[in-house]
Amino acid sequence: MLQASTLQFLEKLGKNNNKAWFDKNRDAYQAAKEDFEQFVGQVLEQLAVIDPVFGHQKAKDCIFRIFRDVRFSKDKSPYKPNFGAYFNKGGRKAHGAGYYIHLEPGKTFVGGGLWMPEGPMLKAVRQEIDYNFPEFKKIIGNAKFKKLFSKIEGEQLKTVPQGYTADNPAIEYLKLKSFVVTTKMADKDICAKTFVSKCMNVFTTMNPLVDFINRPLE
């Protein structure tokens, strides 16, 4: 169960995103970080029910650093005003589809999928959708899936991808460069005892999509 103090720290960080403030509040950061780690550990325990491989992963291996890489960014804010964790069978840095939690006051969401894969991976997923479109439609057309996720998110090509035609029944999805689904979470739910189960409800609902995307990549 996440503590309210963790959200409060992130909210204050969003308003004081500078090294001087962060150094002064490093103890609060450490407490918030440890709180998020124990929460991620609880999620991993539940994910292990879906796939035992998650039972061998550690929370710290799923969590992204709060320090931003500002070398090539116009935004020079040194810290992310959020905590993020990515759950993938091969670990946080592995290729392929997985599950994601983004914790940020007023902007928390849970979801996942495959984000901006390299050319060969994208080509393989497109082919899987093209070859098995009835199965893909059944997954994203599931009533529970549609209730949680409004659509498959991702930047789209402006033209038809090479090797396909405009009249392909799956063309709307074949144009995608990413295959991501998300659902927003209210602040009042984040520190409730039910938040882990709410996250798992999202993950189990999207699990068939994750498995479908990963199938041609494994």
Protein backbone atom coordinates (compact mmCIF):
# COMPACT_ATOMS: atom_id res chain seq x y z
CA MET A 1 0.00 0.00 0.00
CA LEU A 2 1.46 3.34 -1.06
CA GLN A 3 1.75 6.11 1.52
CA ALA A 4 0.25 9.57 1.04
CA SER A 5 3.68 11.02 1.80
CA THR A 6 5.00 9.50 -1.45
CA LEU A 7 2.47 11.41 -3.52
CA GLN A 8 3.14 14.53 -1.47
CA PHE A 9 6.86 14.27 -2.20
CA LEU A 10 6.23 13.96 -5.95
CA GLU A 11 3.83 16.90 -5.87
CA LYS A 12 6.41 19.09 -4.11
CA LEU A 13 9.14 17.92 -6.48
CA GLY A 14 7.01 18.99 -9.43
CA LYS A 15 6.94 22.51 -7.99
CA ASN A 16 10.59 22.57 -6.88
CA ASN A 17 12.45 20.73 -9.62
CA ASN A 18 15.99 21.83 -8.80
CA LYS A 19 19.05 20.26 -7.18
CA ALA A 20 19.10 22.54 -4.14
CA TRP A 21 15.58 21.56 -3.11
CA PHE A 22 16.18 17.88 -3.89
CA ASP A 23 19.35 17.76 -1.81
CA LYS A 24 17.55 19.39 1.09
CA ASN A 25 14.74 16.83 0.84
CA ARG A 26 16.83 13.76 0.07
CA ASP A 27 15.51 11.88 3.12
CA ALA A 28 11.94 12.40 1.90
CA TYR A 29 12.99 11.14 -1.54
CA GLN A 30 14.59 8.04 -0.04
CA ALA A 31 11.45 7.27 1.96
CA ALA A 32 9.24 7.75 -1.12
CA LYS A 33 11.55 5.63 -3.24
CA GLU A 34 11.49 2.77 -0.73
CA ASP A 35 7.71 3.02 -0.47
CA PHE A 36 7.37 2.74 -4.26
CA GLU A 37 9.80 -0.20 -4.29
CA GLN A 38 7.73 -2.15 -1.78
CA PHE A 39 4.62 -1.42 -3.85
CA VAL A 40 6.32 -2.65 -7.03
CA GLY A 41 7.37 -5.76 -5.11
CA GLN A 42 3.71 -6.45 -4.34
CA VAL A 43 2.83 -6.05 -8.02
CA LEU A 44 5.60 -8.48 -8.99
CA GLU A 45 4.19 -11.07 -6.60
CA GLN A 46 0.82 -10.79 -8.33
CA LEU A 47 2.34 -10.82 -11.82
CA ALA A 48 4.09 -14.06 -10.92
CA VAL A 49 0.63 -15.66 -10.87
CA ILE A 50 0.29 -14.75 -14.57
CA ASP A 51 3.85 -15.78 -15.41
CA PRO A 52 6.27 -17.39 -12.88
CA VAL A 53 9.22 -15.57 -14.47
CA PHE A 54 8.17 -12.39 -12.63
CA GLY A 55 8.72 -14.19 -9.36
CA HIS A 56 12.47 -14.09 -10.02
CA GLN A 57 12.62 -10.33 -10.62
CA LYS A 58 13.39 -7.63 -8.06
CA ALA A 59 11.48 -4.38 -7.67
CA LYS A 60 14.57 -2.20 -8.16
CA ASP A 61 15.17 -3.84 -11.54
CA CYS A 62 11.76 -2.67 -12.78
CA ILE A 63 11.93 0.93 -11.59
CA PHE A 64 13.21 3.81 -13.71
CA ARG A 65 15.67 6.34 -12.31
CA ILE A 66 14.17 9.65 -11.18
CA PHE A 67 17.14 11.54 -12.61
CA ARG A 68 16.53 12.90 -16.12
CA ASP A 69 19.00 12.75 -19.00
CA VAL A 70 18.96 16.41 -20.07
CA ARG A 71 21.80 16.27 -22.59
CA PHE A 72 19.56 16.44 -25.65
CA SER A 73 16.47 18.03 -24.09
CA LYS A 74 15.31 21.63 -24.08
CA ASP A 75 13.78 20.94 -20.67
CA LYS A 76 16.71 21.04 -18.25
CA SER A 77 14.69 20.01 -15.17
CA PRO A 78 17.02 17.53 -13.43
CA TYR A 79 14.33 15.19 -12.05
CA LYS A 80 11.21 13.39 -13.24
CA PRO A 81 8.15 14.45 -11.18
CA ASN A 82 7.00 10.82 -11.20
CA PHE A 83 7.91 7.26 -10.34
CA GLY A 84 7.73 4.72 -13.14
CA ALA A 85 8.05 0.93 -13.28
CA TYR A 86 8.11 -1.35 -16.30
CA PHE A 87 7.40 -5.07 -16.04
CA ASN A 88 8.72 -7.24 -18.85
CA LYS A 89 9.46 -10.97 -18.85
CA GLY A 90 13.03 -10.17 -19.89
CA GLY A 91 13.49 -7.31 -17.43
CA ARG A 92 13.06 -3.53 -17.61
CA LYS A 93 15.51 -3.08 -20.50
CA ALA A 94 14.25 -6.01 -22.57
CA HIS A 95 12.60 -5.61 -25.94
CA GLY A 96 9.02 -6.64 -26.42
CA ALA A 97 5.69 -5.73 -24.87
CA GLY A 98 5.18 -5.40 -21.13
CA TYR A 99 3.29 -3.61 -18.37
CA TYR A 100 3.83 -0.10 -17.02
CA ILE A 101 2.87 1.99 -13.98
CA HIS A 102 3.31 5.77 -14.01
CA LEU A 103 2.84 7.38 -10.59
CA GLU A 104 2.38 11.16 -10.64
CA PRO A 105 -0.14 13.32 -8.76
CA GLY A 106 -3.06 14.05 -11.07
CA LYS A 107 -1.47 12.14 -13.95
CA THR A 108 -1.18 8.53 -12.77
CA PHE A 109 -1.90 5.85 -15.34
CA VAL A 110 -1.48 2.09 -15.70
CA GLY A 111 -1.09 0.16 -18.93
CA GLY A 112 1.67 -0.93 -21.25
CA GLY A 113 2.31 -2.55 -24.59
CA LEU A 114 5.10 -1.98 -27.10
CA TRP A 115 6.58 1.52 -27.48
CA MET A 116 8.37 2.58 -30.70
CA PRO A 117 9.98 -0.77 -31.61
CA GLU A 118 12.83 -0.95 -34.10
CA GLY A 119 12.05 -1.71 -37.74
CA PRO A 120 12.35 -5.53 -37.72
CA MET A 121 10.23 -5.82 -34.56
CA LEU A 122 7.58 -3.46 -35.91
CA LYS A 123 7.47 -5.41 -39.18
CA ALA A 124 7.00 -8.68 -37.26
CA VAL A 125 4.12 -7.29 -35.16
CA ARG A 126 2.41 -5.87 -38.25
CA GLN A 127 2.65 -9.23 -39.95
CA GLU A 128 1.18 -10.95 -36.89
CA ILE A 129 -1.78 -8.56 -36.92
CA ASP A 130 -2.26 -9.01 -40.65
CA TYR A 131 -2.12 -12.82 -40.49
CA ASN A 132 -4.27 -13.12 -37.36
CA PHE A 133 -6.56 -10.09 -37.51
CA PRO A 134 -9.71 -11.95 -36.31
CA GLU A 135 -7.82 -12.96 -33.16
CA PHE A 136 -6.49 -9.41 -32.69
CA LYS A 137 -9.99 -7.94 -33.13
CA LYS A 138 -11.39 -10.36 -30.56
CA ILE A 139 -8.77 -9.27 -28.02
CA ILE A 140 -9.34 -5.52 -28.42
CA GLY A 141 -13.09 -5.99 -28.87
CA ASN A 142 -13.52 -7.72 -25.51
CA ALA A 143 -16.06 -5.82 -23.40
CA LYS A 144 -13.76 -5.54 -20.37
CA PHE A 145 -10.86 -4.43 -22.59
CA LYS A 146 -12.97 -1.71 -24.24
CA LYS A 147 -14.18 -0.48 -20.86
CA LEU A 148 -10.62 0.04 -19.59
CA PHE A 149 -8.93 1.22 -22.79
CA SER A 150 -10.44 3.69 -25.23
CA LYS A 151 -8.10 2.70 -28.06
CA ILE A 152 -4.70 1.37 -29.08
CA GLU A 153 -2.46 4.41 -28.70
CA GLY A 154 0.56 5.24 -30.82
CA GLU A 155 1.85 7.50 -33.55
CA GLN A 156 0.58 6.49 -36.99
CA LEU A 157 2.14 6.52 -40.44
CA LYS A 158 0.51 9.00 -42.81
CA THR A 159 0.84 6.52 -45.65
CA VAL A 160 0.21 2.81 -46.03
CA PRO A 161 3.16 0.72 -44.72
CA GLN A 162 5.24 -1.05 -47.34
CA GLY A 163 3.80 -4.40 -48.37
CA TYR A 164 0.19 -3.57 -47.51
CA THR A 165 -2.76 -1.98 -49.30
CA ALA A 166 -5.20 0.70 -48.18
CA ASP A 167 -8.13 -1.72 -48.32
CA ASN A 168 -6.56 -4.13 -45.81
CA PRO A 169 -9.17 -4.59 -43.02
CA ALA A 170 -6.42 -4.13 -40.41
CA ILE A 171 -4.88 -1.03 -42.00
CA GLU A 172 -5.84 1.23 -39.05
CA TYR A 173 -3.57 -0.87 -36.82
CA LEU A 174 -0.92 -1.67 -39.41
CA LYS A 175 -0.14 2.06 -39.65
CA LEU A 176 0.73 2.23 -35.95
CA LYS A 177 4.35 2.72 -34.86
CA SER A 178 3.54 1.79 -31.24
CA PHE A 179 0.95 -0.47 -29.64
CA VAL A 180 0.09 0.97 -26.22
CA VAL A 181 -2.97 0.98 -23.98
CA THR A 182 -3.42 3.04 -20.81
CA THR A 183 -6.08 3.78 -18.23
CA LYS A 184 -5.99 6.72 -15.82
CA MET A 185 -6.07 6.32 -12.05
CA ALA A 186 -7.49 8.88 -9.62
CA ASP A 187 -5.31 10.19 -6.79
CA LYS A 188 -7.84 8.90 -4.25
CA ASP A 189 -7.26 5.33 -5.47
CA ILE A 190 -3.46 5.39 -5.32
CA CYS A 191 -3.07 5.17 -1.54
CA ALA A 192 -5.97 2.75 -1.07
CA LYS A 193 -5.41 -0.89 -0.14
CA THR A 194 -7.06 -1.86 -3.42
CA PHE A 195 -4.53 -0.11 -5.68
CA VAL A 196 -2.44 -3.23 -6.31
CA SER A 197 -5.56 -5.16 -7.31
CA LYS A 198 -6.67 -2.27 -9.56
CA CYS A 199 -3.30 -2.37 -11.33
CA MET A 200 -3.54 -6.13 -11.68
CA ASN A 201 -7.04 -5.84 -13.11
CA VAL A 202 -5.54 -3.65 -15.86
CA PHE A 203 -2.63 -6.02 -16.44
CA THR A 204 -4.73 -9.19 -16.61
CA THR A 205 -7.15 -7.49 -19.00
CA MET A 206 -4.34 -6.46 -21.35
CA ASN A 207 -2.39 -9.71 -20.95
CA PRO A 208 -3.83 -11.30 -24.16
CA LEU A 209 -2.67 -8.22 -26.12
CA VAL A 210 0.82 -8.38 -24.60
CA ASP A 211 1.07 -12.09 -25.42
CA PHE A 212 -0.17 -11.46 -28.97
CA ILE A 213 2.43 -8.73 -29.58
CA ASN A 214 5.25 -10.78 -28.05
CA ARG A 215 4.45 -13.94 -30.00
CA PRO A 216 6.32 -12.97 -33.21
CA LEU A 217 9.17 -11.44 -31.18
CA GLU A 218 10.05 -14.44 -29.03
